[in-house]
Amino acid sequence: MLTVSEDALQHFGKTIADLTNSSDGSKCLRLVRSEDTGLALSLERPAADDTTFDYRGRTVLALPEEFADLCSDKQLDLDDKGNLTLG
């Protein structure tokens, strides 16, 4: 299963707060297919079968079932420059 660092979860929480009305807790960052990079993040509502990751009581990341195997041995983290890494 994908593991997500505390730093990455905090980053997602801040990003969502910057992009949405703080009273709308229904959206999170969701992993989606991208033609350019393969995978991307999109601000969406999680689907019922998504695996979700929470930060401070709020869902901040949704992993669709279709990516579960691809990400099963991966960790999502931030590097020293604050960029997301999946390794």
N, C-alpha and C. Protein backbone atom coordinates (compact mmCIF):
# COMPACT_ATOMS: atom_id res chain seq x y z
N MET A 1 0.84 -1.18 0.00
CA MET A 1 0.00 0.00 0.00
C MET A 1 0.88 1.25 0.00
N LEU A 2 0.45 2.25 -0.69
CA LEU A 2 1.15 3.53 -0.72
C LEU A 2 1.29 4.07 0.70
N THR A 3 2.47 4.58 1.00
CA THR A 3 2.66 5.31 2.25
C THR A 3 2.88 6.78 1.90
N VAL A 4 2.38 7.63 2.77
CA VAL A 4 2.47 9.07 2.54
C VAL A 4 3.09 9.70 3.78
N SER A 5 4.16 10.46 3.60
CA SER A 5 4.84 11.07 4.74
C SER A 5 3.97 12.14 5.38
N GLU A 6 4.23 12.42 6.63
CA GLU A 6 3.54 13.49 7.35
C GLU A 6 3.75 14.83 6.66
N ASP A 7 4.96 15.06 6.16
CA ASP A 7 5.25 16.31 5.44
C ASP A 7 4.38 16.46 4.19
N ALA A 8 4.22 15.37 3.45
CA ALA A 8 3.39 15.40 2.25
C ALA A 8 1.93 15.63 2.61
N LEU A 9 1.43 14.97 3.64
CA LEU A 9 0.04 15.17 4.08
C LEU A 9 -0.19 16.62 4.48
N GLN A 10 0.75 17.19 5.21
CA GLN A 10 0.64 18.59 5.62
C GLN A 10 0.63 19.50 4.39
N HIS A 11 1.49 19.22 3.43
CA HIS A 11 1.55 19.98 2.18
C HIS A 11 0.21 19.91 1.44
N PHE A 12 -0.38 18.72 1.37
CA PHE A 12 -1.68 18.57 0.71
C PHE A 12 -2.75 19.37 1.43
N GLY A 13 -2.74 19.33 2.76
CA GLY A 13 -3.72 20.09 3.53
C GLY A 13 -3.63 21.57 3.25
N LYS A 14 -2.41 22.09 3.21
CA LYS A 14 -2.21 23.52 2.93
C LYS A 14 -2.64 23.85 1.49
N THR A 15 -2.29 23.00 0.55
CA THR A 15 -2.66 23.23 -0.85
C THR A 15 -4.18 23.28 -1.01
N ILE A 16 -4.88 22.34 -0.38
CA ILE A 16 -6.34 22.31 -0.47
C ILE A 16 -6.93 23.57 0.15
N ALA A 17 -6.41 23.98 1.30
CA ALA A 17 -6.90 25.19 1.95
C ALA A 17 -6.70 26.41 1.06
N ASP A 18 -5.59 26.45 0.34
CA ASP A 18 -5.31 27.57 -0.56
C ASP A 18 -6.24 27.57 -1.79
N LEU A 19 -6.70 26.40 -2.20
CA LEU A 19 -7.50 26.27 -3.42
C LEU A 19 -9.01 26.29 -3.21
N THR A 20 -9.45 26.05 -1.98
CA THR A 20 -10.89 25.90 -1.74
C THR A 20 -11.37 26.81 -0.64
N ASN A 21 -12.66 26.92 -0.55
CA ASN A 21 -13.31 27.57 0.58
C ASN A 21 -13.11 26.66 1.78
N SER A 22 -12.58 27.17 2.86
CA SER A 22 -12.23 26.33 4.01
C SER A 22 -13.42 25.59 4.59
N SER A 23 -14.64 26.05 4.33
CA SER A 23 -15.81 25.36 4.86
C SER A 23 -16.23 24.17 3.98
N ASP A 24 -15.65 24.06 2.78
CA ASP A 24 -15.96 22.94 1.88
C ASP A 24 -14.94 21.84 2.07
N GLY A 25 -15.27 20.88 2.92
CA GLY A 25 -14.36 19.78 3.19
C GLY A 25 -14.59 18.57 2.32
N SER A 26 -15.35 18.71 1.24
CA SER A 26 -15.71 17.56 0.43
C SER A 26 -14.68 17.20 -0.64
N LYS A 27 -13.76 18.11 -0.93
CA LYS A 27 -12.78 17.85 -1.98
C LYS A 27 -11.41 17.57 -1.38
N CYS A 28 -10.64 16.80 -2.11
CA CYS A 28 -9.26 16.49 -1.72
C CYS A 28 -8.44 16.40 -2.99
N LEU A 29 -7.16 16.17 -2.86
CA LEU A 29 -6.31 15.92 -4.02
C LEU A 29 -6.43 14.45 -4.37
N ARG A 30 -6.71 14.17 -5.62
CA ARG A 30 -6.94 12.79 -6.07
C ARG A 30 -5.96 12.47 -7.17
N LEU A 31 -5.34 11.32 -7.09
CA LEU A 31 -4.40 10.87 -8.10
C LEU A 31 -5.17 10.52 -9.37
N VAL A 32 -4.74 11.09 -10.50
CA VAL A 32 -5.41 10.87 -11.79
C VAL A 32 -4.36 10.61 -12.87
N ARG A 33 -4.80 10.08 -13.99
CA ARG A 33 -3.91 9.88 -15.14
C ARG A 33 -3.65 11.21 -15.82
N SER A 34 -2.41 11.38 -16.28
CA SER A 34 -2.03 12.57 -17.03
C SER A 34 -1.30 12.11 -18.28
N GLU A 35 -1.69 12.66 -19.43
CA GLU A 35 -1.01 12.30 -20.67
C GLU A 35 0.43 12.79 -20.68
N ASP A 36 0.69 13.91 -20.01
CA ASP A 36 2.04 14.49 -20.01
C ASP A 36 2.99 13.77 -19.08
N THR A 37 2.55 13.50 -17.85
CA THR A 37 3.47 12.97 -16.84
C THR A 37 3.13 11.57 -16.36
N GLY A 38 2.02 11.01 -16.80
CA GLY A 38 1.61 9.69 -16.35
C GLY A 38 0.63 9.77 -15.19
N LEU A 39 1.03 10.48 -14.12
CA LEU A 39 0.18 10.67 -12.96
C LEU A 39 0.16 12.14 -12.59
N ALA A 40 -0.96 12.59 -12.05
CA ALA A 40 -1.09 13.98 -11.61
C ALA A 40 -2.06 14.02 -10.44
N LEU A 41 -2.16 15.18 -9.82
CA LEU A 41 -3.12 15.39 -8.74
C LEU A 41 -4.19 16.35 -9.22
N SER A 42 -5.43 16.06 -8.87
CA SER A 42 -6.56 16.88 -9.26
C SER A 42 -7.42 17.13 -8.02
N LEU A 43 -7.98 18.33 -7.90
CA LEU A 43 -8.85 18.65 -6.79
C LEU A 43 -10.25 18.12 -7.10
N GLU A 44 -10.65 17.06 -6.39
CA GLU A 44 -11.91 16.36 -6.66
C GLU A 44 -12.47 15.78 -5.37
N ARG A 45 -13.70 15.31 -5.47
CA ARG A 45 -14.27 14.53 -4.38
C ARG A 45 -13.75 13.11 -4.50
N PRO A 46 -13.42 12.46 -3.39
CA PRO A 46 -12.97 11.07 -3.48
C PRO A 46 -14.13 10.15 -3.90
N ALA A 47 -13.79 9.12 -4.64
CA ALA A 47 -14.78 8.10 -5.03
C ALA A 47 -14.95 7.11 -3.88
N ALA A 48 -16.05 6.39 -3.90
CA ALA A 48 -16.37 5.47 -2.81
C ALA A 48 -15.31 4.38 -2.63
N ASP A 49 -14.67 3.96 -3.71
CA ASP A 49 -13.69 2.87 -3.61
C ASP A 49 -12.24 3.36 -3.51
N ASP A 50 -12.03 4.66 -3.37
CA ASP A 50 -10.68 5.21 -3.20
C ASP A 50 -10.14 4.88 -1.81
N THR A 51 -8.82 4.72 -1.73
CA THR A 51 -8.14 4.69 -0.45
C THR A 51 -7.83 6.14 -0.12
N THR A 52 -8.18 6.56 1.08
CA THR A 52 -7.99 7.96 1.43
C THR A 52 -6.96 8.12 2.54
N PHE A 53 -6.34 9.29 2.56
CA PHE A 53 -5.34 9.65 3.55
C PHE A 53 -5.77 10.96 4.19
N ASP A 54 -5.75 10.99 5.51
CA ASP A 54 -6.23 12.15 6.25
C ASP A 54 -5.10 12.90 6.92
N TYR A 55 -5.34 14.19 7.11
CA TYR A 55 -4.43 15.05 7.88
C TYR A 55 -5.30 15.94 8.75
N ARG A 56 -5.11 15.84 10.04
CA ARG A 56 -5.86 16.64 11.02
C ARG A 56 -7.36 16.55 10.81
N GLY A 57 -7.84 15.32 10.62
CA GLY A 57 -9.28 15.09 10.52
C GLY A 57 -9.91 15.38 9.18
N ARG A 58 -9.12 15.69 8.18
CA ARG A 58 -9.65 16.00 6.86
C ARG A 58 -8.99 15.11 5.81
N THR A 59 -9.78 14.58 4.90
CA THR A 59 -9.22 13.79 3.80
C THR A 59 -8.49 14.74 2.86
N VAL A 60 -7.20 14.46 2.65
CA VAL A 60 -6.38 15.34 1.81
C VAL A 60 -5.89 14.66 0.54
N LEU A 61 -5.96 13.32 0.50
CA LEU A 61 -5.47 12.59 -0.67
C LEU A 61 -6.34 11.37 -0.90
N ALA A 62 -6.68 11.12 -2.16
CA ALA A 62 -7.44 9.93 -2.54
C ALA A 62 -6.66 9.16 -3.59
N LEU A 63 -6.53 7.88 -3.36
CA LEU A 63 -5.84 6.98 -4.28
C LEU A 63 -6.87 6.05 -4.90
N PRO A 64 -7.18 6.23 -6.20
CA PRO A 64 -8.14 5.35 -6.86
C PRO A 64 -7.67 3.90 -6.85
N GLU A 65 -8.63 3.01 -6.82
CA GLU A 65 -8.33 1.57 -6.80
C GLU A 65 -7.45 1.16 -7.97
N GLU A 66 -7.63 1.81 -9.13
CA GLU A 66 -6.86 1.45 -10.32
C GLU A 66 -5.35 1.69 -10.15
N PHE A 67 -4.96 2.54 -9.19
CA PHE A 67 -3.55 2.81 -8.96
C PHE A 67 -2.99 2.07 -7.75
N ALA A 68 -3.81 1.30 -7.06
CA ALA A 68 -3.38 0.64 -5.82
C ALA A 68 -2.18 -0.28 -6.06
N ASP A 69 -2.22 -1.12 -7.08
CA ASP A 69 -1.11 -2.03 -7.35
C ASP A 69 0.14 -1.27 -7.78
N LEU A 70 -0.02 -0.26 -8.62
CA LEU A 70 1.11 0.54 -9.10
C LEU A 70 1.84 1.22 -7.94
N CYS A 71 1.10 1.64 -6.94
CA CYS A 71 1.68 2.40 -5.83
C CYS A 71 1.89 1.58 -4.57
N SER A 72 1.69 0.27 -4.66
CA SER A 72 1.70 -0.57 -3.45
C SER A 72 3.01 -0.52 -2.68
N ASP A 73 4.13 -0.35 -3.35
CA ASP A 73 5.42 -0.34 -2.65
C ASP A 73 6.08 1.04 -2.72
N LYS A 74 5.30 2.08 -2.94
CA LYS A 74 5.83 3.43 -3.11
C LYS A 74 5.58 4.29 -1.87
N GLN A 75 6.39 5.35 -1.77
CA GLN A 75 6.20 6.35 -0.73
C GLN A 75 6.12 7.72 -1.39
N LEU A 76 5.10 8.48 -1.00
CA LEU A 76 4.92 9.84 -1.45
C LEU A 76 5.49 10.75 -0.37
N ASP A 77 6.43 11.61 -0.76
CA ASP A 77 7.14 12.42 0.21
C ASP A 77 7.50 13.76 -0.43
N LEU A 78 8.13 14.63 0.34
CA LEU A 78 8.67 15.88 -0.16
C LEU A 78 10.19 15.81 -0.13
N ASP A 79 10.84 16.35 -1.15
CA ASP A 79 12.29 16.41 -1.13
C ASP A 79 12.74 17.67 -0.38
N ASP A 80 14.03 17.92 -0.35
CA ASP A 80 14.59 19.06 0.38
C ASP A 80 14.11 20.41 -0.15
N LYS A 81 13.68 20.43 -1.41
CA LYS A 81 13.21 21.68 -2.03
C LYS A 81 11.69 21.84 -1.93
N GLY A 82 11.01 20.87 -1.30
CA GLY A 82 9.56 20.95 -1.17
C GLY A 82 8.79 20.38 -2.34
N ASN A 83 9.47 19.66 -3.23
CA ASN A 83 8.82 19.01 -4.37
C ASN A 83 8.35 17.63 -3.98
N LEU A 84 7.20 17.23 -4.51
CA LEU A 84 6.68 15.89 -4.25
C LEU A 84 7.53 14.84 -4.96
N THR A 85 7.75 13.73 -4.28
CA THR A 85 8.47 12.61 -4.87
C THR A 85 7.67 11.34 -4.65
N LEU A 86 7.69 10.46 -5.62
CA LEU A 86 7.06 9.15 -5.51
C LEU A 86 8.13 8.12 -5.79
N GLY A 87 8.55 7.46 -4.75
CA GLY A 87 9.66 6.52 -4.93
C GLY A 87 9.54 5.27 -4.12
